[in-house]
Amino acid sequence: MTLDPNHNYSNAALRIGDVDRYPRRRVGEFIGIVASNAGVNDEYRHIVVKVHEQALKAYAGQMFHLLCPSPDGAEVWMRRPMSVYRVDKAAGAVEFLYKIEGRGTRGMGKLQPGDEFNIAGPLGAGFKLEPAWKNIVVLGRGVGLATLAPLSQLAAEQGVGVTAILSARHQGVVMSKALFEELGARTVTVLDSDGTSAVENVERVIEELIAARKADAFFTCGSNRLLKLTQRLGKKHNIPGQVAMEQIMVCGFGACYVCMRTFEVDGKRVLRRVCREGPVFNMQEAVGW
């Protein structure tokens, strides 16, 4: 690639209203404006970012690489990968649901309405719905439910019924229930606090859905235990599935090979990049976390 010495590449990120010289691009760098950034419970926060129209091309299961501000004055060296929680095309915004755990998300938690926020994407391969599927089951735990929430939006657009099994430690940290129901999904909450999140109970719930012909495919994220359960039931009943994998990343577009994970394909162990070949994979090929 030959660089143009007269072009300011540091200003290549698109701001709202900019004319995109490359409108057919699938990925870009964007300077968004924070519309809101508020807590939804004691652990999780919800941020809404107004963005250039090109960023609104993100679909369910894809992610953005976020350039988080510093929480303490020292530079945050790497971007943070984060799945899209919702794309609100009418409002011109993308939304993320996140938990404050490290320096990057601590800095993100300090963003105020009106602040600029640099995001790159959309990246990766997201969820896919087959035309033959009329009813799907999504199972997630914790912030993994943020990844699965857009799937209900996609399903609603295609007339596909959704049952969402929401797993959490206790009622106070159940995620995304309102959004799932707003999009027409039936929700089932299972908790550690009352024992309903036990594998045996979740298996019973899924078996009932299968018997009622409400499970043409499984989708999961956020729990190795739920992944193993749906893999087993998928094999037992010949039901396909997809899993969104979570992994530390550096570049976000497949060049650095930091986010490699092991998969089993046709009886052989292979390595794949979560950011490039994923983050959504065939459920039966995933070895797990």
Protein backbone atom coordinates (compact mmCIF):
# COMPACT_ATOMS: atom_id res chain seq x y z
CA MET A 1 0.00 0.00 0.00
CA THR A 2 1.33 3.45 -0.96
CA LEU A 3 0.50 6.21 1.48
CA ASP A 4 -0.50 9.64 0.19
CA PRO A 5 1.83 12.18 1.91
CA ASN A 6 -0.85 14.87 1.55
CA HIS A 7 -3.54 12.87 3.34
CA ASN A 8 -4.04 13.21 7.09
CA TYR A 9 -4.64 9.60 8.05
CA SER A 10 -5.06 10.50 11.72
CA ASN A 11 -8.34 12.19 10.77
CA ALA A 12 -9.69 9.23 8.79
CA ALA A 13 -12.35 8.34 11.38
CA LEU A 14 -15.86 9.26 10.32
CA ARG A 15 -17.94 11.67 12.38
CA ILE A 16 -21.69 12.06 12.20
CA GLY A 17 -22.60 13.81 8.96
CA ASP A 18 -19.26 13.21 7.23
CA VAL A 19 -19.37 12.19 3.58
CA ASP A 20 -17.89 8.71 3.30
CA ARG A 21 -15.47 8.49 0.38
CA TYR A 22 -15.80 4.69 0.51
CA PRO A 23 -19.53 4.03 1.00
CA ARG A 24 -19.23 0.33 0.16
CA ARG A 25 -16.90 -0.30 3.07
CA ARG A 26 -18.00 -2.90 5.60
CA VAL A 27 -15.69 -1.75 8.41
CA GLY A 28 -14.63 1.70 9.52
CA GLU A 29 -13.35 3.85 12.36
CA PHE A 30 -15.94 6.20 13.81
CA ILE A 31 -15.99 9.10 16.25
CA GLY A 32 -19.32 8.73 18.01
CA ILE A 33 -21.02 10.98 20.55
CA VAL A 34 -22.18 9.50 23.84
CA ALA A 35 -25.93 10.01 24.25
CA SER A 36 -26.20 8.26 27.62
CA ASN A 37 -24.10 6.05 29.89
CA ALA A 38 -25.97 4.80 32.93
CA GLY A 39 -26.05 1.85 35.32
CA VAL A 40 -28.78 -0.74 34.87
CA ASN A 41 -28.02 -2.53 38.16
CA ASP A 42 -25.17 -2.87 40.67
CA GLU A 43 -22.85 -4.52 38.13
CA TYR A 44 -23.73 -3.51 34.57
CA ARG A 45 -23.93 -0.31 32.57
CA HIS A 46 -25.64 0.62 29.32
CA ILE A 47 -24.06 3.11 26.90
CA VAL A 48 -25.74 4.62 23.85
CA VAL A 49 -23.46 6.15 21.20
CA LYS A 50 -24.65 8.28 18.29
CA VAL A 51 -22.64 7.28 15.23
CA HIS A 52 -22.12 7.80 11.52
CA GLU A 53 -24.70 5.92 9.43
CA GLN A 54 -22.06 3.46 8.20
CA ALA A 55 -21.66 2.07 11.72
CA LEU A 56 -25.36 1.19 11.75
CA LYS A 57 -24.64 -1.68 9.34
CA ALA A 58 -23.73 -3.89 12.31
CA TYR A 59 -25.87 -7.00 12.71
CA ALA A 60 -26.59 -9.47 15.50
CA GLY A 61 -23.48 -11.11 16.94
CA GLN A 62 -20.97 -8.66 15.49
CA MET A 63 -18.76 -6.45 17.66
CA PHE A 64 -16.92 -3.16 17.74
CA HIS A 65 -13.39 -2.48 18.97
CA LEU A 66 -13.65 0.36 21.48
CA LEU A 67 -10.89 2.88 22.20
CA CYS A 68 -11.61 3.36 25.89
CA PRO A 69 -10.46 6.53 27.66
CA SER A 70 -7.96 6.29 30.51
CA PRO A 71 -9.44 6.05 34.01
CA ASP A 72 -6.22 7.17 35.72
CA GLY A 73 -4.09 9.25 33.35
CA ALA A 74 -2.01 6.35 32.06
CA GLU A 75 -2.66 5.33 28.46
CA VAL A 76 -4.99 2.42 27.69
CA TRP A 77 -2.92 0.67 25.04
CA MET A 78 -5.38 -1.75 23.46
CA ARG A 79 -8.94 -1.39 22.25
CA ARG A 80 -11.60 -3.46 23.97
CA PRO A 81 -13.83 -5.79 21.88
CA MET A 82 -17.52 -5.54 22.73
CA SER A 83 -20.57 -7.14 21.18
CA VAL A 84 -23.36 -4.91 19.93
CA TYR A 85 -26.32 -4.82 22.31
CA ARG A 86 -28.66 -3.02 19.92
CA VAL A 87 -28.58 -1.03 16.70
CA ASP A 88 -31.17 1.74 16.78
CA LYS A 89 -31.25 2.96 13.19
CA ALA A 90 -34.06 5.43 13.86
CA ALA A 91 -31.96 7.16 16.54
CA GLY A 92 -28.69 6.70 14.63
CA ALA A 93 -27.09 4.92 17.57
CA VAL A 94 -25.35 1.72 18.61
CA GLU A 95 -25.66 0.45 22.16
CA PHE A 96 -23.41 -1.64 24.40
CA LEU A 97 -24.06 -3.39 27.70
CA TYR A 98 -20.92 -3.81 29.79
CA LYS A 99 -19.51 -4.67 33.20
CA ILE A 100 -16.75 -2.59 34.78
CA GLU A 101 -13.88 -5.00 35.40
CA GLY A 102 -10.57 -3.58 34.14
CA ARG A 103 -8.98 -0.25 33.25
CA GLY A 104 -10.65 -0.04 29.86
CA THR A 105 -14.19 -0.49 31.11
CA ARG A 106 -13.47 1.75 34.12
CA GLY A 107 -12.53 4.49 31.67
CA MET A 108 -15.60 3.73 29.60
CA GLY A 109 -17.73 4.11 32.72
CA LYS A 110 -16.52 7.71 33.09
CA LEU A 111 -17.83 8.81 29.70
CA GLN A 112 -20.52 11.50 29.91
CA PRO A 113 -23.25 12.54 27.44
CA GLY A 114 -21.65 14.70 24.76
CA ASP A 115 -18.22 13.04 25.04
CA GLU A 116 -16.58 11.65 21.93
CA PHE A 117 -15.99 7.89 21.75
CA ASN A 118 -13.83 6.20 19.10
CA ILE A 119 -15.15 2.83 17.92
CA ALA A 120 -14.02 0.60 15.03
CA GLY A 121 -16.14 -1.96 13.26
CA PRO A 122 -18.46 -3.67 12.83
CA LEU A 123 -16.17 -6.69 13.03
CA GLY A 124 -16.55 -10.43 12.80
CA ALA A 125 -19.14 -12.94 11.64
CA GLY A 126 -22.44 -12.74 13.50
CA PHE A 127 -25.52 -14.92 13.91
CA LYS A 128 -27.39 -16.44 10.98
CA LEU A 129 -31.01 -17.59 10.80
CA GLU A 130 -31.99 -20.31 8.37
CA PRO A 131 -35.32 -19.86 6.53
CA ALA A 132 -36.61 -23.21 7.84
CA TRP A 133 -36.30 -22.15 11.48
CA LYS A 134 -39.62 -20.92 12.90
CA ASN A 135 -38.75 -21.01 16.62
CA ILE A 136 -35.36 -20.68 18.30
CA VAL A 137 -34.04 -20.94 21.85
CA VAL A 138 -31.39 -18.54 23.17
CA LEU A 139 -29.57 -19.25 26.42
CA GLY A 140 -27.20 -16.84 28.08
CA ARG A 141 -25.73 -15.81 31.37
CA GLY A 142 -24.59 -12.44 32.67
CA VAL A 143 -23.30 -10.02 30.08
CA GLY A 144 -23.45 -12.87 27.53
CA LEU A 145 -27.12 -11.99 27.25
CA ALA A 146 -26.11 -8.64 25.76
CA THR A 147 -24.63 -10.52 22.81
CA LEU A 148 -27.81 -12.54 22.33
CA ALA A 149 -30.28 -9.65 22.64
CA PRO A 150 -29.82 -8.42 19.02
CA LEU A 151 -30.63 -11.93 17.86
CA SER A 152 -34.19 -11.37 19.05
CA GLN A 153 -34.30 -8.19 16.97
CA LEU A 154 -33.18 -10.16 13.91
CA ALA A 155 -35.68 -12.93 14.66
CA ALA A 156 -38.53 -10.46 15.06
CA GLU A 157 -37.73 -8.93 11.68
CA GLN A 158 -37.93 -12.39 10.10
CA GLY A 159 -41.03 -13.61 11.95
CA VAL A 160 -39.15 -16.18 14.02
CA GLY A 161 -40.36 -17.00 17.54
CA VAL A 162 -37.86 -16.75 20.39
CA THR A 163 -37.66 -18.30 23.84
CA ALA A 164 -34.89 -16.66 25.88
CA ILE A 165 -33.56 -18.51 28.93
CA LEU A 166 -31.89 -15.88 31.11
CA SER A 167 -29.43 -17.19 33.69
CA ALA A 168 -28.03 -15.13 36.57
CA ARG A 169 -26.82 -15.36 40.16
CA HIS A 170 -29.92 -13.60 41.49
CA GLN A 171 -32.87 -11.54 40.27
CA GLY A 172 -31.02 -8.25 40.71
CA VAL A 173 -28.52 -9.00 37.96
CA VAL A 174 -30.80 -10.55 35.33
CA MET A 175 -29.87 -8.91 32.05
CA SER A 176 -31.85 -7.86 28.97
CA LYS A 177 -35.24 -9.27 30.04
CA ALA A 178 -37.12 -6.08 29.08
CA LEU A 179 -35.44 -5.88 25.68
CA PHE A 180 -36.16 -9.52 24.85
CA GLU A 181 -39.81 -9.10 25.80
CA GLU A 182 -40.07 -5.78 23.94
CA LEU A 183 -39.00 -7.67 20.81
CA GLY A 184 -41.65 -10.33 21.34
CA ALA A 185 -39.58 -13.08 22.97
CA ARG A 186 -40.88 -15.34 25.69
CA THR A 187 -38.47 -15.23 28.63
CA VAL A 188 -37.63 -17.84 31.25
CA THR A 189 -35.48 -16.65 34.17
CA VAL A 190 -33.30 -19.19 36.00
CA LEU A 191 -31.33 -18.20 39.09
CA ASP A 192 -28.56 -19.54 41.30
CA SER A 193 -30.30 -18.05 44.33
CA ASP A 194 -33.33 -20.35 44.06
CA GLY A 195 -31.64 -23.30 42.35
CA THR A 196 -33.53 -22.96 39.07
CA SER A 197 -30.27 -22.39 37.14
CA ALA A 198 -29.16 -25.95 37.89
CA VAL A 199 -28.32 -27.84 34.69
CA GLU A 200 -31.00 -30.44 35.43
CA ASN A 201 -33.74 -27.81 35.57
CA VAL A 202 -32.55 -25.94 32.48
CA GLU A 203 -32.41 -29.26 30.64
CA ARG A 204 -36.01 -29.97 31.64
CA VAL A 205 -37.11 -26.56 30.31
CA ILE A 206 -35.35 -27.15 26.99
CA GLU A 207 -36.73 -30.67 26.63
CA GLU A 208 -40.24 -29.25 27.07
CA LEU A 209 -39.56 -26.71 24.32
CA ILE A 210 -38.28 -29.45 22.04
CA ALA A 211 -41.38 -31.54 22.69
CA ALA A 212 -43.55 -28.50 21.87
CA ARG A 213 -41.61 -28.01 18.59
CA LYS A 214 -40.34 -24.63 19.80
CA ALA A 215 -36.63 -25.36 19.35
CA ASP A 216 -35.46 -25.43 15.74
CA ALA A 217 -32.03 -24.10 16.76
CA PHE A 218 -30.02 -23.17 19.85
CA PHE A 219 -27.98 -20.01 20.45
CA THR A 220 -25.79 -19.40 23.50
CA CYS A 221 -23.13 -17.15 25.01
CA GLY A 222 -21.55 -16.48 28.38
CA SER A 223 -21.55 -19.90 30.04
CA ASN A 224 -19.49 -23.01 29.36
CA ARG A 225 -22.05 -25.03 31.30
CA LEU A 226 -24.89 -23.89 29.02
CA LEU A 227 -22.73 -24.50 25.95
CA LYS A 228 -22.06 -28.10 26.98
CA LEU A 229 -25.75 -28.65 27.74
CA THR A 230 -26.96 -27.36 24.39
CA GLN A 231 -24.25 -29.29 22.56
CA ARG A 232 -25.44 -32.49 24.21
CA LEU A 233 -29.14 -31.84 23.55
CA GLY A 234 -28.36 -30.70 20.02
CA LYS A 235 -26.65 -34.01 19.26
CA LYS A 236 -29.42 -35.98 20.96
CA HIS A 237 -32.24 -34.32 18.98
CA ASN A 238 -30.33 -33.32 15.83
CA ILE A 239 -30.87 -29.61 16.52
CA PRO A 240 -28.27 -27.16 15.10
CA GLY A 241 -26.83 -24.30 17.10
CA GLN A 242 -24.47 -21.35 17.23
CA VAL A 243 -22.29 -20.01 20.03
CA ALA A 244 -20.80 -16.53 20.42
CA MET A 245 -17.30 -16.88 21.87
CA GLU A 246 -15.70 -14.39 24.23
CA GLN A 247 -11.97 -13.79 24.01
CA ILE A 248 -9.27 -11.20 24.70
CA MET A 249 -8.24 -9.50 21.43
CA VAL A 250 -5.58 -7.07 20.28
CA CYS A 251 -6.02 -6.08 16.64
CA GLY A 252 -9.64 -7.18 16.19
CA PHE A 253 -9.36 -8.04 12.49
CA GLY A 254 -7.27 -11.20 12.34
CA ALA A 255 -3.70 -10.01 11.92
CA CYS A 256 -2.21 -10.70 15.35
CA TYR A 257 -3.58 -14.20 16.10
CA VAL A 258 -3.94 -13.43 19.82
CA CYS A 259 -7.57 -14.55 19.98
CA MET A 260 -7.04 -18.11 18.75
CA ARG A 261 -9.30 -20.81 20.18
CA THR A 262 -9.51 -24.54 19.61
CA PHE A 263 -12.36 -26.13 17.65
CA GLU A 264 -13.08 -29.71 16.68
CA VAL A 265 -13.99 -30.11 13.01
CA ASP A 266 -14.53 -33.55 11.42
CA GLY A 267 -12.71 -35.20 14.32
CA LYS A 268 -9.66 -32.93 14.12
CA ARG A 269 -8.60 -30.11 16.44
CA VAL A 270 -8.11 -26.80 14.58
CA LEU A 271 -7.34 -23.23 15.63
CA ARG A 272 -9.53 -20.33 14.59
CA ARG A 273 -9.46 -16.59 15.25
CA VAL A 274 -12.44 -15.42 17.28
CA CYS A 275 -12.30 -11.92 15.77
CA ARG A 276 -12.10 -13.05 12.15
CA GLU A 277 -13.78 -16.43 11.76
CA GLY A 278 -16.11 -15.62 14.68
CA PRO A 279 -17.11 -14.50 17.19
CA VAL A 280 -20.10 -16.70 16.27
CA PHE A 281 -19.32 -20.35 15.51
CA ASN A 282 -21.06 -23.66 14.90
CA MET A 283 -21.98 -24.82 18.38
CA GLN A 284 -20.96 -28.44 17.81
CA GLU A 285 -17.44 -27.44 16.76
CA ALA A 286 -16.67 -25.32 19.85
CA VAL A 287 -14.49 -26.98 22.46
CA GLY A 288 -15.47 -24.38 25.08
CA TRP A 289 -13.85 -21.83 27.32
